[in-house]
Amino acid sequence: MPVFAPPNELGFQASIEAFNGRWQQKLWARFWDPDLTALQERSAGYVGASRRRAVARIEPAPPRSSFPIDRVIDLAAPPSAPTADPGDAESSAKRNARRMAFAPPVRRPIS
């Protein structure tokens, strides 16, 4: 059961939650390990197998840029974001509304 991501949600946190759910299904619910060391060994085997299965998707992916180490973040400052042109936001909202628009179901009398 996902804790931090709603069901059917896409994104990084959702993929972590999905992995945790699979880990619980395939490992935690199926096996009882007498101590922490045995559980860690079994978990390492599962994680390794999962990574080997994911290699086909991971290897052709574009490289990630590294996080700048020299960047200083002021955690006391309020969040800021680049400002967008309000006209762009309005037209974007209209496009999204058109995309999501649908016809209501037709109610027919029961004969």
C-alpha atoms as a PDB file:
ATOM      1  CA  MET A   1       0.000   0.000   0.000  1.00  0.00           C
ATOM      2  CA  PRO A   2       1.610   3.296  -1.071  1.00  0.00           C
ATOM      3  CA  VAL A   3       2.150   5.751   1.736  1.00  0.00           C
ATOM      4  CA  PHE A   4       3.615   8.833   0.080  1.00  0.00           C
ATOM      5  CA  ALA A   5       2.203   8.555  -3.453  1.00  0.00           C
ATOM      6  CA  PRO A   6      -1.414   8.054  -4.534  1.00  0.00           C
ATOM      7  CA  PRO A   7      -2.216   4.821  -6.418  1.00  0.00           C
ATOM      8  CA  ASN A   8      -1.611   4.971 -10.191  1.00  0.00           C
ATOM      9  CA  GLU A   9       0.491   8.121  -9.807  1.00  0.00           C
ATOM     10  CA  LEU A  10       3.590   8.473 -12.003  1.00  0.00           C
ATOM     11  CA  GLY A  11       6.939   9.837 -10.912  1.00  0.00           C
ATOM     12  CA  PHE A  12       9.981   9.100  -8.816  1.00  0.00           C
ATOM     13  CA  GLN A  13       8.216   8.738  -5.468  1.00  0.00           C
ATOM     14  CA  ALA A  14       5.588   6.492  -7.026  1.00  0.00           C
ATOM     15  CA  SER A  15       8.282   4.228  -8.488  1.00  0.00           C
ATOM     16  CA  ILE A  16       9.916   3.968  -5.049  1.00  0.00           C
ATOM     17  CA  GLU A  17       6.559   3.083  -3.490  1.00  0.00           C
ATOM     18  CA  ALA A  18       5.957   0.477  -6.230  1.00  0.00           C
ATOM     19  CA  PHE A  19       9.369  -1.078  -5.565  1.00  0.00           C
ATOM     20  CA  ASN A  20       8.672  -1.147  -1.822  1.00  0.00           C
ATOM     21  CA  GLY A  21       5.328  -2.844  -2.492  1.00  0.00           C
ATOM     22  CA  ARG A  22       6.959  -5.480  -4.693  1.00  0.00           C
ATOM     23  CA  TRP A  23       9.670  -6.022  -2.060  1.00  0.00           C
ATOM     24  CA  GLN A  24       7.017  -6.589   0.595  1.00  0.00           C
ATOM     25  CA  GLN A  25       5.073  -8.982  -1.673  1.00  0.00           C
ATOM     26  CA  LYS A  26       8.004 -11.007  -2.926  1.00  0.00           C
ATOM     27  CA  LEU A  27      10.230 -11.025   0.139  1.00  0.00           C
ATOM     28  CA  TRP A  28       8.645  -9.860   3.367  1.00  0.00           C
ATOM     29  CA  ALA A  29       5.352 -11.763   2.971  1.00  0.00           C
ATOM     30  CA  ARG A  30       6.906 -14.984   1.606  1.00  0.00           C
ATOM     31  CA  PHE A  31       9.866 -15.614   3.871  1.00  0.00           C
ATOM     32  CA  TRP A  32      10.596 -15.510   7.562  1.00  0.00           C
ATOM     33  CA  ASP A  33      14.230 -14.873   8.364  1.00  0.00           C
ATOM     34  CA  PRO A  34      15.415 -15.666  11.883  1.00  0.00           C
ATOM     35  CA  ASP A  35      17.651 -12.612  12.200  1.00  0.00           C
ATOM     36  CA  LEU A  36      18.517  -9.284  10.598  1.00  0.00           C
ATOM     37  CA  THR A  37      21.604 -10.626   8.806  1.00  0.00           C
ATOM     38  CA  ALA A  38      19.595 -13.318   6.995  1.00  0.00           C
ATOM     39  CA  LEU A  39      16.972 -10.741   5.988  1.00  0.00           C
ATOM     40  CA  GLN A  40      19.658  -8.352   4.701  1.00  0.00           C
ATOM     41  CA  GLU A  41      21.236 -11.144   2.609  1.00  0.00           C
ATOM     42  CA  ARG A  42      17.889 -12.151   1.108  1.00  0.00           C
ATOM     43  CA  SER A  43      17.030  -8.490   0.470  1.00  0.00           C
ATOM     44  CA  ALA A  44      20.389  -7.876  -1.234  1.00  0.00           C
ATOM     45  CA  GLY A  45      19.682 -10.815  -3.551  1.00  0.00           C
ATOM     46  CA  TYR A  46      16.240  -9.435  -4.423  1.00  0.00           C
ATOM     47  CA  VAL A  47      17.544  -5.903  -5.030  1.00  0.00           C
ATOM     48  CA  GLY A  48      20.361  -7.258  -7.227  1.00  0.00           C
ATOM     49  CA  ALA A  49      17.923  -9.323  -9.297  1.00  0.00           C
ATOM     50  CA  SER A  50      15.620  -6.316  -9.637  1.00  0.00           C
ATOM     51  CA  ARG A  51      18.480  -4.140 -10.863  1.00  0.00           C
ATOM     52  CA  ARG A  52      19.568  -6.795 -13.393  1.00  0.00           C
ATOM     53  CA  ARG A  53      16.014  -6.838 -14.789  1.00  0.00           C
ATOM     54  CA  ALA A  54      15.990  -3.028 -15.031  1.00  0.00           C
ATOM     55  CA  VAL A  55      19.321  -2.788 -16.912  1.00  0.00           C
ATOM     56  CA  ALA A  56      17.577  -2.942 -20.291  1.00  0.00           C
ATOM     57  CA  ARG A  57      15.753   0.312 -19.463  1.00  0.00           C
ATOM     58  CA  ILE A  58      18.504   2.044 -17.490  1.00  0.00           C
ATOM     59  CA  GLU A  59      21.474   1.654 -19.864  1.00  0.00           C
ATOM     60  CA  PRO A  60      19.947   3.415 -22.927  1.00  0.00           C
ATOM     61  CA  ALA A  61      18.615   6.288 -20.771  1.00  0.00           C
ATOM     62  CA  PRO A  62      20.347   9.660 -21.155  1.00  0.00           C
ATOM     63  CA  PRO A  63      22.930  10.478 -18.487  1.00  0.00           C
ATOM     64  CA  ARG A  64      21.764  12.477 -15.506  1.00  0.00           C
ATOM     65  CA  SER A  65      23.376  15.750 -14.647  1.00  0.00           C
ATOM     66  CA  SER A  66      25.007  15.849 -11.253  1.00  0.00           C
ATOM     67  CA  PHE A  67      23.732  18.119  -8.508  1.00  0.00           C
ATOM     68  CA  PRO A  68      26.005  21.149  -8.125  1.00  0.00           C
ATOM     69  CA  ILE A  69      28.007  20.649  -4.936  1.00  0.00           C
ATOM     70  CA  ASP A  70      29.084  24.293  -4.661  1.00  0.00           C
ATOM     71  CA  ARG A  71      25.486  25.554  -4.672  1.00  0.00           C
ATOM     72  CA  VAL A  72      24.383  27.210  -1.428  1.00  0.00           C
ATOM     73  CA  ILE A  73      20.696  26.971  -0.614  1.00  0.00           C
ATOM     74  CA  ASP A  74      19.148  29.429   1.813  1.00  0.00           C
ATOM     75  CA  LEU A  75      16.571  27.297   3.621  1.00  0.00           C
ATOM     76  CA  ALA A  76      15.184  30.335   5.458  1.00  0.00           C
ATOM     77  CA  ALA A  77      14.275  32.149   2.220  1.00  0.00           C
ATOM     78  CA  PRO A  78      10.754  31.717   0.811  1.00  0.00           C
ATOM     79  CA  PRO A  79      10.487  29.491  -2.277  1.00  0.00           C
ATOM     80  CA  SER A  80      10.787  31.198  -5.610  1.00  0.00           C
ATOM     81  CA  ALA A  81      10.081  30.119  -9.151  1.00  0.00           C
ATOM     82  CA  PRO A  82      10.568  31.711 -12.542  1.00  0.00           C
ATOM     83  CA  THR A  83       7.621  33.916 -13.415  1.00  0.00           C
ATOM     84  CA  ALA A  84       5.568  33.021 -16.455  1.00  0.00           C
ATOM     85  CA  ASP A  85       3.679  35.283 -18.789  1.00  0.00           C
ATOM     86  CA  PRO A  86       0.030  35.277 -17.574  1.00  0.00           C
ATOM     87  CA  GLY A  87      -1.140  35.039 -21.185  1.00  0.00           C
ATOM     88  CA  ASP A  88       0.763  31.780 -21.564  1.00  0.00           C
ATOM     89  CA  ALA A  89      -0.750  30.386 -18.372  1.00  0.00           C
ATOM     90  CA  GLU A  90      -4.253  31.330 -19.484  1.00  0.00           C
ATOM     91  CA  SER A  91      -3.881  29.773 -22.920  1.00  0.00           C
ATOM     92  CA  SER A  92      -2.328  26.694 -21.332  1.00  0.00           C
ATOM     93  CA  ALA A  93      -5.307  26.416 -18.956  1.00  0.00           C
ATOM     94  CA  LYS A  94      -7.709  26.728 -21.877  1.00  0.00           C
ATOM     95  CA  ARG A  95      -5.856  24.014 -23.804  1.00  0.00           C
ATOM     96  CA  ASN A  96      -5.998  21.717 -20.791  1.00  0.00           C
ATOM     97  CA  ALA A  97      -9.706  22.412 -20.333  1.00  0.00           C
ATOM     98  CA  ARG A  98     -10.385  21.535 -23.977  1.00  0.00           C
ATOM     99  CA  ARG A  99      -8.373  18.346 -23.625  1.00  0.00           C
ATOM    100  CA  MET A 100     -10.282  17.305 -20.526  1.00  0.00           C
ATOM    101  CA  ALA A 101     -13.717  18.292 -21.822  1.00  0.00           C
ATOM    102  CA  PHE A 102     -16.110  15.458 -22.467  1.00  0.00           C
ATOM    103  CA  ALA A 103     -19.759  15.053 -23.336  1.00  0.00           C
ATOM    104  CA  PRO A 104     -22.024  14.052 -20.450  1.00  0.00           C
ATOM    105  CA  PRO A 105     -23.634  10.623 -20.770  1.00  0.00           C
ATOM    106  CA  VAL A 106     -26.964  10.523 -22.562  1.00  0.00           C
ATOM    107  CA  ARG A 107     -29.800   9.395 -20.314  1.00  0.00           C
ATOM    108  CA  ARG A 108     -32.317   7.252 -22.093  1.00  0.00           C
ATOM    109  CA  PRO A 109     -35.643   6.196 -20.635  1.00  0.00           C
ATOM    110  CA  ILE A 110     -35.972   2.552 -19.740  1.00  0.00           C
ATOM    111  CA  SER A 111     -38.646   0.958 -21.899  1.00  0.00           C
END
